[in-house]
Amino acid sequence: MSFSEVLKGLTEKVQGAKGALIVGMDGIIVEEFSQDPEGIDFNSIGAEYGNVLKEIQNASSSLRLGNASEVAVMTDAVDLIMRKINDEYFIALLLSPKKNLGKGRFLVRGASRRLEKEF
């Protein structure tokens, strides 16, 4: 299964999903799928949240809490679920606010496991 098929399937299975992306921890997008062509700047999300995930990982490590694997951010415009695929890549799902966050988390976890085999 290709990266784009995984992202499209993930986005189509969650009501209110705006899109999904696979991003390197350096902030460079590997693949993206959008159902909201007007609204969201995926390149900026990849760059900014790649840095956020690195900082969270550093904080977790320095506090001896282990590896951080998933982060959710709720904003006025979008709910964002990010999950590490491995140490170099993460997957992100963007949802309309207050839409199926639990289902999104569940499906992102499964997609992350499928993608891990590809990296």
Protein backbone atom coordinates (compact mmCIF):
# COMPACT_ATOMS: atom_id res chain seq x y z
CA MET A 1 0.00 0.00 0.00
CA SER A 2 1.41 3.40 -0.98
CA PHE A 3 1.81 6.32 1.40
CA SER A 4 -0.87 8.30 -0.42
CA GLU A 5 -3.33 5.38 -0.17
CA VAL A 6 -2.74 5.14 3.59
CA LEU A 7 -3.30 8.88 4.07
CA LYS A 8 -6.37 8.98 1.82
CA GLY A 9 -7.89 5.97 3.58
CA LEU A 10 -7.21 7.46 6.99
CA THR A 11 -8.74 10.80 6.04
CA GLU A 12 -11.83 9.26 4.45
CA LYS A 13 -12.56 7.04 7.48
CA VAL A 14 -12.78 9.89 10.00
CA GLN A 15 -15.72 12.27 9.84
CA GLY A 16 -14.48 15.85 9.84
CA ALA A 17 -10.94 14.99 8.70
CA LYS A 18 -9.32 17.75 6.70
CA GLY A 19 -6.21 15.85 5.68
CA ALA A 20 -3.22 13.81 6.74
CA LEU A 21 0.50 13.97 6.17
CA ILE A 22 3.72 12.07 6.72
CA VAL A 23 6.54 14.33 7.85
CA GLY A 24 10.21 13.90 8.62
CA MET A 25 11.36 15.16 12.00
CA ASP A 26 13.26 17.78 9.99
CA GLY A 27 9.86 19.22 8.97
CA ILE A 28 9.94 18.09 5.34
CA ILE A 29 6.71 16.52 4.11
CA VAL A 30 7.09 13.07 2.56
CA GLU A 31 3.45 12.73 1.48
CA GLU A 32 0.17 14.55 2.08
CA PHE A 33 -3.52 14.16 1.34
CA SER A 34 -5.95 17.04 1.71
CA GLN A 35 -9.74 17.24 1.63
CA ASP A 36 -9.54 20.97 2.36
CA PRO A 37 -7.66 22.41 -0.64
CA GLU A 38 -8.23 26.06 0.32
CA GLY A 39 -7.44 26.17 3.96
CA ILE A 40 -4.40 24.60 5.53
CA ASP A 41 -0.72 25.23 4.85
CA PHE A 42 0.65 21.70 5.27
CA ASN A 43 4.25 22.81 4.70
CA SER A 44 4.12 25.17 7.67
CA ILE A 45 2.43 22.55 9.84
CA GLY A 46 5.14 20.03 8.98
CA ALA A 47 7.95 22.44 9.74
CA GLU A 48 6.55 23.90 12.94
CA TYR A 49 5.21 20.72 14.50
CA GLY A 50 8.33 18.76 13.55
CA ASN A 51 10.19 21.14 15.87
CA VAL A 52 7.50 20.80 18.55
CA LEU A 53 7.78 17.02 18.49
CA LYS A 54 11.57 17.20 18.83
CA GLU A 55 11.22 19.48 21.86
CA ILE A 56 8.64 17.20 23.45
CA GLN A 57 10.93 14.23 22.86
CA ASN A 58 13.87 16.09 24.44
CA ALA A 59 11.76 17.07 27.46
CA SER A 60 10.49 13.49 27.92
CA SER A 61 14.02 12.16 27.68
CA SER A 62 15.50 14.67 30.14
CA LEU A 63 12.70 13.89 32.62
CA ARG A 64 13.36 10.15 32.15
CA LEU A 65 9.76 9.54 31.08
CA GLY A 66 10.66 7.48 28.02
CA ASN A 67 9.81 8.18 24.41
CA ALA A 68 6.85 10.38 23.57
CA SER A 69 4.88 8.61 20.87
CA GLU A 70 1.76 10.72 20.34
CA VAL A 71 0.72 14.36 20.72
CA ALA A 72 -2.66 16.00 20.18
CA VAL A 73 -3.10 19.75 19.77
CA MET A 74 -6.50 21.42 19.76
CA THR A 75 -6.78 24.86 18.19
CA ASP A 76 -9.66 27.07 17.12
CA ALA A 77 -9.28 25.97 13.50
CA VAL A 78 -8.20 22.35 13.71
CA ASP A 79 -7.52 19.41 16.01
CA LEU A 80 -4.18 17.82 15.17
CA ILE A 81 -3.12 14.29 16.10
CA MET A 82 0.55 13.47 15.57
CA ARG A 83 2.11 10.05 16.11
CA LYS A 84 5.68 8.97 15.58
CA ILE A 85 6.18 6.30 12.94
CA ASN A 86 9.80 5.88 14.01
CA ASP A 87 12.57 8.19 15.26
CA GLU A 88 12.74 10.00 11.91
CA TYR A 89 9.10 10.34 10.78
CA PHE A 90 5.63 11.08 12.09
CA ILE A 91 2.09 10.99 10.77
CA ALA A 92 -0.39 13.79 11.40
CA LEU A 93 -4.17 13.87 11.03
CA LEU A 94 -6.00 17.20 10.89
CA LEU A 95 -9.63 17.28 11.99
CA SER A 96 -12.31 19.92 12.21
CA PRO A 97 -12.50 20.94 15.87
CA LYS A 98 -14.33 18.54 18.18
CA LYS A 99 -14.82 15.85 15.52
CA ASN A 100 -14.13 12.16 16.23
CA LEU A 101 -10.87 12.64 18.08
CA GLY A 102 -11.01 9.14 19.58
CA LYS A 103 -11.58 7.45 16.25
CA GLY A 104 -8.86 9.60 14.72
CA ARG A 105 -6.36 8.55 17.40
CA PHE A 106 -7.26 4.88 16.92
CA LEU A 107 -6.86 5.03 13.14
CA VAL A 108 -3.64 7.08 13.30
CA ARG A 109 -2.15 4.41 15.58
CA GLY A 110 -2.99 1.69 13.03
CA ALA A 111 -1.69 3.75 10.11
CA SER A 112 1.53 4.41 11.99
CA ARG A 113 2.09 0.68 12.46
CA ARG A 114 1.45 -0.02 8.78
CA LEU A 115 3.80 2.76 7.72
CA GLU A 116 6.54 1.68 10.12
CA LYS A 117 7.13 -1.38 7.92
CA GLU A 118 7.75 0.89 4.92
CA PHE A 119 10.45 2.93 6.65
